[in-house]
Amino acid sequence: MVPLLSPGGVSAPPPATLSLLQLDADAARTLQDQLLDRLRKAILERRVRPGQRLPSTRLLARQLSVSRNTVLAVFDQLISEGYLRGSRGSGTYVSDELPDQLLRPSKDAKLLLPQSQEGPLPPAVISPTAFRPCIPLVAEFPLERWESLRRRVLHRRGARLLHYSAPAGQERLREQISLYLRDYRGVRCEANQILVTAGAQQAFRIAARALSSLGKGVWFEDPGYPDARLAFEDAGLTGVPQPVDDEGLTLPRWQAGAPRMVYTTPSRQFPLGITMTLARRMEWLDFARRHDVWIIEDDYDSEFRYEGRPLPSLQGLLPETQVVYV
């Protein structure tokens, strides 16, 4: 049993919470991954209350018979995800506001209907406007700085850059991408797992052709990103629309002969802007593992989060999951 501490520092061991923290040293998964999942689940299910103080890393490590580094790594991961907060000299607490609470769809978002229910749009919406999606504010691009850096690189390495490069992308670039993804998005990857493409659309086409032998159907968000659907249909696959609710892409009922692939935009659903909740992410990963389904995670607009810490990528939540991260 591991006593948790109340906000006031008084020992308060709730049995339901403690059972979630019991680890299995003989399991295939590491103790760190087990503790991370159990503590995150306890927070998500409110078995550990917002604002509640956790035991010290030394105490928890001793009670669980694991190294302190294991507990430190778990605490650091949950702090980076926004589920815990550290207070110097005071301890570690469950965040008062969890990441799942920070981004919720507005009531207006529900006015967008699935494709099957849409009627003719008013002319004012059809005509070109400034609200066209996926167009950055190019007038603010730092062209002078870009040109300065480009000249510097060409001066140092220009001749070598004119030769054919590795098909997957330059090794140094892939190493830096893998470091960034591990640090900022929680993606589990090495440089040799990275494939640099000319854009997301090319990545969808490569994934579609690589996985097309699994089956001829792929689930899509409805409403969703039409260009991604076109990429999969060009590979001979059939798009099967699935509705989106206020937690993200809904899980369909399993049917014989159902598609073996799922495409989703969990960070910021296109076009509704919904962030898939952690509970729904875990449900999808469990569903994919049980039914041998591949998930194509389009991490669309994940960098544009203006309050709170980012949720971890779907790909990085569980080890050995069948997730292609774009």
C-alpha atoms as a PDB file:
ATOM      1  CA  MET A   1       0.000   0.000   0.000  1.00  0.00           C
ATOM      2  CA  VAL A   2       1.254   3.472  -0.896  1.00  0.00           C
ATOM      3  CA  PRO A   3      -0.218   6.309   1.200  1.00  0.00           C
ATOM      4  CA  LEU A   4      -1.059   9.403  -0.815  1.00  0.00           C
ATOM      5  CA  LEU A   5      -1.052  12.795   0.828  1.00  0.00           C
ATOM      6  CA  SER A   6      -3.942  15.212   0.980  1.00  0.00           C
ATOM      7  CA  PRO A   7      -3.479  18.895   0.055  1.00  0.00           C
ATOM      8  CA  GLY A   8      -2.827  19.615   3.693  1.00  0.00           C
ATOM      9  CA  GLY A   9      -0.083  17.016   3.868  1.00  0.00           C
ATOM     10  CA  VAL A  10      -2.014  14.512   6.000  1.00  0.00           C
ATOM     11  CA  SER A  11      -1.693  10.873   5.037  1.00  0.00           C
ATOM     12  CA  ALA A  12      -4.833   9.751   3.183  1.00  0.00           C
ATOM     13  CA  PRO A  13      -4.657   6.304   1.545  1.00  0.00           C
ATOM     14  CA  PRO A  14      -7.721   5.761  -0.707  1.00  0.00           C
ATOM     15  CA  PRO A  15      -7.779   2.000  -1.489  1.00  0.00           C
ATOM     16  CA  ALA A  16      -9.073   2.393  -5.079  1.00  0.00           C
ATOM     17  CA  THR A  17      -6.171   4.652  -5.962  1.00  0.00           C
ATOM     18  CA  LEU A  18      -3.544   2.502  -4.303  1.00  0.00           C
ATOM     19  CA  SER A  19      -4.595  -0.599  -6.197  1.00  0.00           C
ATOM     20  CA  LEU A  20      -3.861   1.205  -9.457  1.00  0.00           C
ATOM     21  CA  LEU A  21      -0.270   1.807  -8.393  1.00  0.00           C
ATOM     22  CA  GLN A  22       0.593  -1.850  -7.826  1.00  0.00           C
ATOM     23  CA  LEU A  23       3.285  -2.867 -10.306  1.00  0.00           C
ATOM     24  CA  ASP A  24       4.181  -6.239 -11.801  1.00  0.00           C
ATOM     25  CA  ALA A  25       7.931  -6.806 -12.005  1.00  0.00           C
ATOM     26  CA  ASP A  26       7.408  -9.864 -14.231  1.00  0.00           C
ATOM     27  CA  ALA A  27       5.276  -8.075 -16.830  1.00  0.00           C
ATOM     28  CA  ALA A  28       6.576  -7.431 -20.361  1.00  0.00           C
ATOM     29  CA  ARG A  29       6.117  -3.664 -19.938  1.00  0.00           C
ATOM     30  CA  THR A  30       8.686  -1.719 -17.943  1.00  0.00           C
ATOM     31  CA  LEU A  31       7.926  -0.600 -14.396  1.00  0.00           C
ATOM     32  CA  GLN A  32       8.204   3.007 -15.560  1.00  0.00           C
ATOM     33  CA  ASP A  33       5.531   2.515 -18.244  1.00  0.00           C
ATOM     34  CA  GLN A  34       3.275   0.677 -15.791  1.00  0.00           C
ATOM     35  CA  LEU A  35       3.548   3.429 -13.185  1.00  0.00           C
ATOM     36  CA  LEU A  36       3.037   6.150 -15.802  1.00  0.00           C
ATOM     37  CA  ASP A  37      -0.172   4.563 -17.090  1.00  0.00           C
ATOM     38  CA  ARG A  38      -1.594   3.771 -13.654  1.00  0.00           C
ATOM     39  CA  LEU A  39      -0.948   7.188 -12.178  1.00  0.00           C
ATOM     40  CA  ARG A  40      -2.212   8.986 -15.298  1.00  0.00           C
ATOM     41  CA  LYS A  41      -5.372   6.870 -15.222  1.00  0.00           C
ATOM     42  CA  ALA A  42      -5.871   7.574 -11.515  1.00  0.00           C
ATOM     43  CA  ILE A  43      -5.666  11.319 -12.216  1.00  0.00           C
ATOM     44  CA  LEU A  44      -7.966  11.114 -15.219  1.00  0.00           C
ATOM     45  CA  GLU A  45     -10.604   9.149 -13.291  1.00  0.00           C
ATOM     46  CA  ARG A  46     -10.333  11.564 -10.333  1.00  0.00           C
ATOM     47  CA  ARG A  47      -9.166   8.767  -8.033  1.00  0.00           C
ATOM     48  CA  VAL A  48      -6.394  11.219  -7.214  1.00  0.00           C
ATOM     49  CA  ARG A  49      -8.030  14.594  -6.780  1.00  0.00           C
ATOM     50  CA  PRO A  50      -6.990  17.881  -8.443  1.00  0.00           C
ATOM     51  CA  GLY A  51      -4.751  19.780  -6.037  1.00  0.00           C
ATOM     52  CA  GLN A  52      -3.833  16.633  -4.112  1.00  0.00           C
ATOM     53  CA  ARG A  53      -0.224  16.347  -3.009  1.00  0.00           C
ATOM     54  CA  LEU A  54       1.631  13.186  -4.029  1.00  0.00           C
ATOM     55  CA  PRO A  55       4.213  11.327  -1.957  1.00  0.00           C
ATOM     56  CA  SER A  56       7.833  12.301  -2.386  1.00  0.00           C
ATOM     57  CA  THR A  57       9.721  10.444  -5.097  1.00  0.00           C
ATOM     58  CA  ARG A  58      11.903   8.778  -2.456  1.00  0.00           C
ATOM     59  CA  LEU A  59       8.919   7.552  -0.455  1.00  0.00           C
ATOM     60  CA  LEU A  60       7.024   6.338  -3.502  1.00  0.00           C
ATOM     61  CA  ALA A  61      10.093   4.553  -4.871  1.00  0.00           C
ATOM     62  CA  ARG A  62      10.644   2.811  -1.538  1.00  0.00           C
ATOM     63  CA  GLN A  63       6.995   1.782  -1.213  1.00  0.00           C
ATOM     64  CA  LEU A  64       6.873   0.430  -4.779  1.00  0.00           C
ATOM     65  CA  SER A  65      10.331  -1.197  -4.604  1.00  0.00           C
ATOM     66  CA  VAL A  66      11.545   0.643  -7.687  1.00  0.00           C
ATOM     67  CA  SER A  67      14.417   3.055  -8.258  1.00  0.00           C
ATOM     68  CA  ARG A  68      13.884   6.716  -7.536  1.00  0.00           C
ATOM     69  CA  ASN A  69      14.908   7.492 -11.127  1.00  0.00           C
ATOM     70  CA  THR A  70      11.876   5.513 -12.316  1.00  0.00           C
ATOM     71  CA  VAL A  71       9.524   7.635 -10.210  1.00  0.00           C
ATOM     72  CA  LEU A  72      11.323  10.855 -11.189  1.00  0.00           C
ATOM     73  CA  ALA A  73      10.937  10.006 -14.882  1.00  0.00           C
ATOM     74  CA  VAL A  74       7.208   9.344 -14.420  1.00  0.00           C
ATOM     75  CA  PHE A  75       6.669  12.583 -12.490  1.00  0.00           C
ATOM     76  CA  ASP A  76       8.623  14.561 -15.104  1.00  0.00           C
ATOM     77  CA  GLN A  77       6.539  13.039 -17.917  1.00  0.00           C
ATOM     78  CA  LEU A  78       3.231  13.838 -16.191  1.00  0.00           C
ATOM     79  CA  ILE A  79       4.417  17.363 -15.396  1.00  0.00           C
ATOM     80  CA  SER A  80       5.312  17.881 -19.073  1.00  0.00           C
ATOM     81  CA  GLU A  81       1.851  16.607 -20.058  1.00  0.00           C
ATOM     82  CA  GLY A  82       0.178  18.987 -17.606  1.00  0.00           C
ATOM     83  CA  TYR A  83      -1.274  16.418 -15.192  1.00  0.00           C
ATOM     84  CA  LEU A  84       1.092  17.254 -12.325  1.00  0.00           C
ATOM     85  CA  ARG A  85       2.705  20.470 -11.152  1.00  0.00           C
ATOM     86  CA  GLY A  86       5.809  20.842  -9.057  1.00  0.00           C
ATOM     87  CA  SER A  87       6.174  23.379  -6.272  1.00  0.00           C
ATOM     88  CA  ARG A  88       9.755  24.052  -5.157  1.00  0.00           C
ATOM     89  CA  GLY A  89      10.200  23.103  -1.527  1.00  0.00           C
ATOM     90  CA  SER A  90       6.610  21.915  -1.214  1.00  0.00           C
ATOM     91  CA  GLY A  91       6.233  18.816  -3.359  1.00  0.00           C
ATOM     92  CA  THR A  92       4.361  17.584  -6.405  1.00  0.00           C
ATOM     93  CA  TYR A  93       0.616  18.104  -6.830  1.00  0.00           C
ATOM     94  CA  VAL A  94      -2.107  17.011  -9.219  1.00  0.00           C
ATOM     95  CA  SER A  95      -2.870  19.964 -11.492  1.00  0.00           C
ATOM     96  CA  ASP A  96      -5.987  21.932 -10.602  1.00  0.00           C
ATOM     97  CA  GLU A  97      -6.912  22.082 -14.291  1.00  0.00           C
ATOM     98  CA  LEU A  98      -6.149  19.003 -16.383  1.00  0.00           C
ATOM     99  CA  PRO A  99      -5.156  19.219 -20.063  1.00  0.00           C
ATOM    100  CA  ASP A 100      -8.418  17.577 -21.126  1.00  0.00           C
ATOM    101  CA  GLN A 101     -10.324  20.549 -19.657  1.00  0.00           C
ATOM    102  CA  LEU A 102      -8.379  23.261 -21.505  1.00  0.00           C
ATOM    103  CA  LEU A 103      -9.638  22.701 -25.034  1.00  0.00           C
ATOM    104  CA  ARG A 104     -13.323  21.980 -25.483  1.00  0.00           C
ATOM    105  CA  PRO A 105     -15.425  22.633 -28.581  1.00  0.00           C
ATOM    106  CA  SER A 106     -17.592  25.731 -28.459  1.00  0.00           C
ATOM    107  CA  LYS A 107     -21.330  25.445 -28.904  1.00  0.00           C
ATOM    108  CA  ASP A 108     -20.954  27.034 -32.334  1.00  0.00           C
ATOM    109  CA  ALA A 109     -18.763  24.146 -33.468  1.00  0.00           C
ATOM    110  CA  LYS A 110     -21.760  21.805 -33.337  1.00  0.00           C
ATOM    111  CA  LEU A 111     -23.393  23.798 -36.122  1.00  0.00           C
ATOM    112  CA  LEU A 112     -21.061  22.044 -38.594  1.00  0.00           C
ATOM    113  CA  LEU A 113     -22.897  18.935 -39.755  1.00  0.00           C
ATOM    114  CA  PRO A 114     -21.464  15.631 -41.021  1.00  0.00           C
ATOM    115  CA  GLN A 115     -21.254  15.290 -44.801  1.00  0.00           C
ATOM    116  CA  SER A 116     -24.323  13.083 -44.895  1.00  0.00           C
ATOM    117  CA  GLN A 117     -26.458  15.863 -43.333  1.00  0.00           C
ATOM    118  CA  GLU A 118     -25.094  18.911 -45.092  1.00  0.00           C
ATOM    119  CA  GLY A 119     -27.305  20.907 -47.423  1.00  0.00           C
ATOM    120  CA  PRO A 120     -26.443  23.752 -49.790  1.00  0.00           C
ATOM    121  CA  LEU A 121     -24.338  26.418 -48.099  1.00  0.00           C
ATOM    122  CA  PRO A 122     -25.260  30.102 -48.273  1.00  0.00           C
ATOM    123  CA  PRO A 123     -23.473  31.975 -51.097  1.00  0.00           C
ATOM    124  CA  ALA A 124     -21.568  34.083 -48.550  1.00  0.00           C
ATOM    125  CA  VAL A 125     -19.866  30.919 -47.253  1.00  0.00           C
ATOM    126  CA  ILE A 126     -19.145  29.478 -50.687  1.00  0.00           C
ATOM    127  CA  SER A 127     -17.403  32.587 -52.024  1.00  0.00           C
ATOM    128  CA  PRO A 128     -13.663  32.997 -51.295  1.00  0.00           C
ATOM    129  CA  THR A 129     -13.012  34.726 -47.981  1.00  0.00           C
ATOM    130  CA  ALA A 130     -10.177  35.327 -45.545  1.00  0.00           C
ATOM    131  CA  PHE A 131     -11.310  32.292 -43.547  1.00  0.00           C
ATOM    132  CA  ARG A 132      -9.893  29.719 -45.958  1.00  0.00           C
ATOM    133  CA  PRO A 133      -8.190  27.038 -43.818  1.00  0.00           C
ATOM    134  CA  CYS A 134      -4.531  26.009 -43.870  1.00  0.00           C
ATOM    135  CA  ILE A 135      -3.214  29.372 -45.134  1.00  0.00           C
ATOM    136  CA  PRO A 136      -0.517  30.851 -42.847  1.00  0.00           C
ATOM    137  CA  LEU A 137       0.108  34.554 -42.383  1.00  0.00           C
ATOM    138  CA  VAL A 138       2.818  34.631 -45.069  1.00  0.00           C
ATOM    139  CA  ALA A 139       3.202  38.422 -44.803  1.00  0.00           C
ATOM    140  CA  GLU A 140       4.818  37.854 -41.384  1.00  0.00           C
ATOM    141  CA  PHE A 141       7.363  35.301 -42.632  1.00  0.00           C
ATOM    142  CA  PRO A 142      10.944  36.454 -41.757  1.00  0.00           C
ATOM    143  CA  LEU A 143      12.219  36.488 -45.344  1.00  0.00           C
ATOM    144  CA  GLU A 144      15.416  38.425 -44.595  1.00  0.00           C
ATOM    145  CA  ARG A 145      16.426  36.040 -41.824  1.00  0.00           C
ATOM    146  CA  TRP A 146      15.541  33.049 -44.024  1.00  0.00           C
ATOM    147  CA  GLU A 147      17.688  34.349 -46.888  1.00  0.00           C
ATOM    148  CA  SER A 148      20.610  35.000 -44.531  1.00  0.00           C
ATOM    149  CA  LEU A 149      20.488  31.433 -43.216  1.00  0.00           C
ATOM    150  CA  ARG A 150      20.071  29.996 -46.714  1.00  0.00           C
ATOM    151  CA  ARG A 151      23.164  31.843 -47.980  1.00  0.00           C
ATOM    152  CA  ARG A 152      25.169  30.681 -44.975  1.00  0.00           C
ATOM    153  CA  VAL A 153      24.256  27.021 -45.522  1.00  0.00           C
ATOM    154  CA  LEU A 154      24.936  27.157 -49.275  1.00  0.00           C
ATOM    155  CA  HIS A 155      28.295  28.820 -48.664  1.00  0.00           C
ATOM    156  CA  ARG A 156      29.375  26.054 -46.296  1.00  0.00           C
ATOM    157  CA  ARG A 157      27.781  22.979 -47.880  1.00  0.00           C
ATOM    158  CA  GLY A 158      26.419  24.071 -51.250  1.00  0.00           C
ATOM    159  CA  ALA A 159      28.184  21.542 -53.508  1.00  0.00           C
ATOM    160  CA  ARG A 160      27.317  18.579 -51.295  1.00  0.00           C
ATOM    161  CA  LEU A 161      23.658  19.602 -51.165  1.00  0.00           C
ATOM    162  CA  LEU A 162      23.437  19.318 -54.968  1.00  0.00           C
ATOM    163  CA  HIS A 163      24.043  15.553 -54.921  1.00  0.00           C
ATOM    164  CA  TYR A 164      21.364  12.914 -54.414  1.00  0.00           C
ATOM    165  CA  SER A 165      20.592  12.458 -50.720  1.00  0.00           C
ATOM    166  CA  ALA A 166      19.218   9.568 -48.687  1.00  0.00           C
ATOM    167  CA  PRO A 167      15.673   8.706 -49.859  1.00  0.00           C
ATOM    168  CA  ALA A 168      14.339   9.045 -46.310  1.00  0.00           C
ATOM    169  CA  GLY A 169      15.943  12.467 -45.807  1.00  0.00           C
ATOM    170  CA  GLN A 170      19.303  13.668 -44.542  1.00  0.00           C
ATOM    171  CA  GLU A 171      20.451  11.758 -41.487  1.00  0.00           C
ATOM    172  CA  ARG A 172      21.253  14.868 -39.406  1.00  0.00           C
ATOM    173  CA  LEU A 173      17.823  16.306 -40.168  1.00  0.00           C
ATOM    174  CA  ARG A 174      16.086  13.063 -39.160  1.00  0.00           C
ATOM    175  CA  GLU A 175      18.095  12.965 -35.928  1.00  0.00           C
ATOM    176  CA  GLN A 176      16.979  16.477 -35.028  1.00  0.00           C
ATOM    177  CA  ILE A 177      13.366  15.692 -35.925  1.00  0.00           C
ATOM    178  CA  SER A 178      13.407  12.601 -33.706  1.00  0.00           C
ATOM    179  CA  LEU A 179      14.828  14.615 -30.791  1.00  0.00           C
ATOM    180  CA  TYR A 180      12.158  17.272 -31.230  1.00  0.00           C
ATOM    181  CA  LEU A 181       9.330  14.731 -31.437  1.00  0.00           C
ATOM    182  CA  ARG A 182      10.510  12.894 -28.329  1.00  0.00           C
ATOM    183  CA  ASP A 183      10.940  16.085 -26.283  1.00  0.00           C
ATOM    184  CA  TYR A 184       7.890  18.091 -27.377  1.00  0.00           C
ATOM    185  CA  ARG A 185       5.336  15.533 -28.551  1.00  0.00           C
ATOM    186  CA  GLY A 186       6.217  12.399 -26.557  1.00  0.00           C
ATOM    187  CA  VAL A 187       6.674  10.376 -29.761  1.00  0.00           C
ATOM    188  CA  ARG A 188       8.578   7.113 -29.367  1.00  0.00           C
ATOM    189  CA  CYS A 189      10.980   7.114 -32.313  1.00  0.00           C
ATOM    190  CA  GLU A 190      14.558   6.926 -33.530  1.00  0.00           C
ATOM    191  CA  ALA A 191      16.060   8.701 -36.529  1.00  0.00           C
ATOM    192  CA  ASN A 192      15.900   5.537 -38.651  1.00  0.00           C
ATOM    193  CA  GLN A 193      12.097   5.466 -38.214  1.00  0.00           C
ATOM    194  CA  ILE A 194      11.681   8.965 -39.694  1.00  0.00           C
ATOM    195  CA  LEU A 195      10.728   9.496 -43.334  1.00  0.00           C
ATOM    196  CA  VAL A 196      10.941  13.115 -44.533  1.00  0.00           C
ATOM    197  CA  THR A 197       8.289  13.946 -47.143  1.00  0.00           C
ATOM    198  CA  ALA A 198       7.336  17.004 -49.183  1.00  0.00           C
ATOM    199  CA  GLY A 199       4.283  17.504 -46.954  1.00  0.00           C
ATOM    200  CA  ALA A 200       1.523  15.719 -45.092  1.00  0.00           C
ATOM    201  CA  GLN A 201      -0.266  14.798 -48.309  1.00  0.00           C
ATOM    202  CA  GLN A 202       2.716  12.785 -49.566  1.00  0.00           C
ATOM    203  CA  ALA A 203       2.967  11.121 -46.157  1.00  0.00           C
ATOM    204  CA  PHE A 204      -0.689  10.039 -46.389  1.00  0.00           C
ATOM    205  CA  ARG A 205      -0.106   8.558 -49.847  1.00  0.00           C
ATOM    206  CA  ILE A 206       2.964   6.603 -48.704  1.00  0.00           C
ATOM    207  CA  ALA A 207       1.130   5.284 -45.636  1.00  0.00           C
ATOM    208  CA  ALA A 208      -1.910   4.350 -47.730  1.00  0.00           C
ATOM    209  CA  ARG A 209       0.144   2.357 -50.225  1.00  0.00           C
ATOM    210  CA  ALA A 210       2.273   0.736 -47.519  1.00  0.00           C
ATOM    211  CA  LEU A 211      -0.795  -0.463 -45.592  1.00  0.00           C
ATOM    212  CA  SER A 212      -3.184  -1.108 -48.504  1.00  0.00           C
ATOM    213  CA  SER A 213      -2.559  -4.866 -48.349  1.00  0.00           C
ATOM    214  CA  LEU A 214      -4.276  -5.004 -44.940  1.00  0.00           C
ATOM    215  CA  GLY A 215      -7.722  -4.275 -46.389  1.00  0.00           C
ATOM    216  CA  LYS A 216      -9.665  -1.958 -48.641  1.00  0.00           C
ATOM    217  CA  GLY A 217     -11.332   0.289 -46.083  1.00  0.00           C
ATOM    218  CA  VAL A 218     -10.225   3.108 -43.801  1.00  0.00           C
ATOM    219  CA  TRP A 219     -12.241   4.990 -41.164  1.00  0.00           C
ATOM    220  CA  PHE A 220     -12.328   8.791 -41.427  1.00  0.00           C
ATOM    221  CA  GLU A 221     -13.597  11.587 -39.232  1.00  0.00           C
ATOM    222  CA  ASP A 222     -16.896  13.059 -40.426  1.00  0.00           C
ATOM    223  CA  PRO A 223     -16.648  15.990 -40.849  1.00  0.00           C
ATOM    224  CA  GLY A 224     -12.956  15.645 -41.595  1.00  0.00           C
ATOM    225  CA  TYR A 225     -10.029  16.540 -43.815  1.00  0.00           C
ATOM    226  CA  PRO A 226     -11.052  15.762 -47.428  1.00  0.00           C
ATOM    227  CA  ASP A 227      -7.548  15.791 -48.938  1.00  0.00           C
ATOM    228  CA  ALA A 228      -6.384  12.999 -46.644  1.00  0.00           C
ATOM    229  CA  ARG A 229      -9.392  10.952 -47.663  1.00  0.00           C
ATOM    230  CA  LEU A 230      -8.511  11.514 -51.332  1.00  0.00           C
ATOM    231  CA  ALA A 231      -4.965  10.244 -50.725  1.00  0.00           C
ATOM    232  CA  PHE A 232      -6.270   6.965 -49.340  1.00  0.00           C
ATOM    233  CA  GLU A 233      -8.918   6.581 -52.021  1.00  0.00           C
ATOM    234  CA  ASP A 234      -6.256   7.133 -54.699  1.00  0.00           C
ATOM    235  CA  ALA A 235      -4.505   4.070 -53.257  1.00  0.00           C
ATOM    236  CA  GLY A 236      -7.651   2.019 -53.896  1.00  0.00           C
ATOM    237  CA  LEU A 237      -9.033   2.237 -50.365  1.00  0.00           C
ATOM    238  CA  THR A 238     -12.632   3.021 -49.423  1.00  0.00           C
ATOM    239  CA  GLY A 239     -13.317   5.815 -46.940  1.00  0.00           C
ATOM    240  CA  VAL A 240     -15.848   4.969 -44.232  1.00  0.00           C
ATOM    241  CA  PRO A 241     -17.072   8.103 -42.372  1.00  0.00           C
ATOM    242  CA  GLN A 242     -17.292   7.988 -38.572  1.00  0.00           C
ATOM    243  CA  PRO A 243     -18.897  10.751 -36.452  1.00  0.00           C
ATOM    244  CA  VAL A 244     -17.033  13.117 -34.138  1.00  0.00           C
ATOM    245  CA  ASP A 245     -18.320  14.104 -30.699  1.00  0.00           C
ATOM    246  CA  ASP A 246     -16.983  16.470 -28.021  1.00  0.00           C
ATOM    247  CA  GLU A 247     -14.188  13.994 -27.155  1.00  0.00           C
ATOM    248  CA  GLY A 248     -12.989  13.422 -30.706  1.00  0.00           C
ATOM    249  CA  LEU A 249     -13.416  10.575 -33.195  1.00  0.00           C
ATOM    250  CA  THR A 250     -15.968   8.076 -31.884  1.00  0.00           C
ATOM    251  CA  LEU A 251     -15.271   4.360 -31.736  1.00  0.00           C
ATOM    252  CA  PRO A 252     -17.467   2.300 -34.066  1.00  0.00           C
ATOM    253  CA  ARG A 253     -18.989  -1.026 -33.186  1.00  0.00           C
ATOM    254  CA  TRP A 254     -16.747  -3.799 -34.433  1.00  0.00           C
ATOM    255  CA  GLN A 255     -18.115  -5.649 -37.446  1.00  0.00           C
ATOM    256  CA  ALA A 256     -16.786  -8.517 -39.511  1.00  0.00           C
ATOM    257  CA  GLY A 257     -14.886  -7.188 -42.500  1.00  0.00           C
ATOM    258  CA  ALA A 258     -14.537  -3.700 -40.990  1.00  0.00           C
ATOM    259  CA  PRO A 259     -11.607  -1.521 -42.140  1.00  0.00           C
ATOM    260  CA  ARG A 260      -8.160  -2.175 -40.711  1.00  0.00           C
ATOM    261  CA  MET A 261      -7.030   1.476 -40.753  1.00  0.00           C
ATOM    262  CA  VAL A 262      -8.192   4.665 -39.016  1.00  0.00           C
ATOM    263  CA  TYR A 263      -7.291   8.254 -39.892  1.00  0.00           C
ATOM    264  CA  THR A 264      -7.681  10.896 -37.157  1.00  0.00           C
ATOM    265  CA  THR A 265      -6.548  14.409 -36.187  1.00  0.00           C
ATOM    266  CA  PRO A 266      -6.434  14.145 -32.362  1.00  0.00           C
ATOM    267  CA  SER A 267      -4.481  17.330 -31.519  1.00  0.00           C
ATOM    268  CA  ARG A 268      -6.935  19.681 -33.223  1.00  0.00           C
ATOM    269  CA  GLN A 269      -9.681  17.964 -35.149  1.00  0.00           C
ATOM    270  CA  PHE A 270     -10.180  19.298 -38.657  1.00  0.00           C
ATOM    271  CA  PRO A 271     -12.418  21.284 -39.004  1.00  0.00           C
ATOM    272  CA  LEU A 272     -14.152  21.389 -35.592  1.00  0.00           C
ATOM    273  CA  GLY A 273     -11.029  22.172 -33.536  1.00  0.00           C
ATOM    274  CA  ILE A 274     -11.733  19.495 -30.898  1.00  0.00           C
ATOM    275  CA  THR A 275      -8.796  18.060 -28.937  1.00  0.00           C
ATOM    276  CA  MET A 276      -9.264  14.327 -28.381  1.00  0.00           C
ATOM    277  CA  THR A 277      -9.457  13.611 -24.657  1.00  0.00           C
ATOM    278  CA  LEU A 278      -6.948  11.309 -23.001  1.00  0.00           C
ATOM    279  CA  ALA A 279      -9.719   8.834 -22.177  1.00  0.00           C
ATOM    280  CA  ARG A 280     -10.734   8.620 -25.850  1.00  0.00           C
ATOM    281  CA  ARG A 281      -7.068   8.275 -26.908  1.00  0.00           C
ATOM    282  CA  MET A 282      -6.612   5.324 -24.587  1.00  0.00           C
ATOM    283  CA  GLU A 283      -9.836   3.745 -25.874  1.00  0.00           C
ATOM    284  CA  TRP A 284      -8.611   4.005 -29.476  1.00  0.00           C
ATOM    285  CA  LEU A 285      -5.219   2.532 -28.618  1.00  0.00           C
ATOM    286  CA  ASP A 286      -6.876  -0.354 -26.787  1.00  0.00           C
ATOM    287  CA  PHE A 287      -9.256  -0.868 -29.708  1.00  0.00           C
ATOM    288  CA  ALA A 288      -6.375  -0.851 -32.202  1.00  0.00           C
ATOM    289  CA  ARG A 289      -4.386  -3.346 -30.169  1.00  0.00           C
ATOM    290  CA  ARG A 290      -7.315  -5.739 -29.679  1.00  0.00           C
ATOM    291  CA  HIS A 291      -8.463  -5.659 -33.313  1.00  0.00           C
ATOM    292  CA  ASP A 292      -5.099  -5.307 -35.099  1.00  0.00           C
ATOM    293  CA  VAL A 293      -5.990  -1.866 -36.497  1.00  0.00           C
ATOM    294  CA  TRP A 294      -3.463   0.685 -37.771  1.00  0.00           C
ATOM    295  CA  ILE A 295      -4.011   4.334 -36.794  1.00  0.00           C
ATOM    296  CA  ILE A 296      -2.808   7.200 -38.994  1.00  0.00           C
ATOM    297  CA  GLU A 297      -2.279  10.100 -36.561  1.00  0.00           C
ATOM    298  CA  ASP A 298      -2.306  13.453 -38.341  1.00  0.00           C
ATOM    299  CA  ASP A 299      -0.844  15.739 -35.650  1.00  0.00           C
ATOM    300  CA  TYR A 300      -2.465  18.723 -37.313  1.00  0.00           C
ATOM    301  CA  ASP A 301      -1.716  22.124 -35.727  1.00  0.00           C
ATOM    302  CA  SER A 302      -0.264  20.500 -32.602  1.00  0.00           C
ATOM    303  CA  GLU A 303       2.179  23.410 -32.140  1.00  0.00           C
ATOM    304  CA  PHE A 304      -0.611  26.008 -31.975  1.00  0.00           C
ATOM    305  CA  ARG A 305      -1.676  25.579 -28.368  1.00  0.00           C
ATOM    306  CA  TYR A 306      -1.920  28.840 -26.489  1.00  0.00           C
ATOM    307  CA  GLU A 307      -2.674  27.737 -22.936  1.00  0.00           C
ATOM    308  CA  GLY A 308      -1.664  24.751 -20.856  1.00  0.00           C
ATOM    309  CA  ARG A 309       0.781  22.020 -21.758  1.00  0.00           C
ATOM    310  CA  PRO A 310       0.226  19.915 -24.884  1.00  0.00           C
ATOM    311  CA  LEU A 311      -1.329  16.494 -24.645  1.00  0.00           C
ATOM    312  CA  PRO A 312       1.081  13.713 -25.601  1.00  0.00           C
ATOM    313  CA  SER A 313       0.856  12.327 -29.101  1.00  0.00           C
ATOM    314  CA  LEU A 314      -1.346   9.309 -29.622  1.00  0.00           C
ATOM    315  CA  GLN A 315       1.689   7.425 -30.910  1.00  0.00           C
ATOM    316  CA  GLY A 316       3.668   7.968 -27.717  1.00  0.00           C
ATOM    317  CA  LEU A 317       1.080   6.987 -25.120  1.00  0.00           C
ATOM    318  CA  LEU A 318       1.652   3.230 -25.260  1.00  0.00           C
ATOM    319  CA  PRO A 319       4.677   1.259 -26.484  1.00  0.00           C
ATOM    320  CA  GLU A 320       4.461  -1.020 -29.514  1.00  0.00           C
ATOM    321  CA  THR A 321       1.212   0.480 -30.824  1.00  0.00           C
ATOM    322  CA  GLN A 322       0.381   0.428 -34.525  1.00  0.00           C
ATOM    323  CA  VAL A 323       0.355   4.192 -35.065  1.00  0.00           C
ATOM    324  CA  VAL A 324       1.827   6.040 -38.046  1.00  0.00           C
ATOM    325  CA  TYR A 325       2.606   9.583 -36.886  1.00  0.00           C
ATOM    326  CA  VAL A 326       2.404  12.378 -39.476  1.00  0.00           C
END
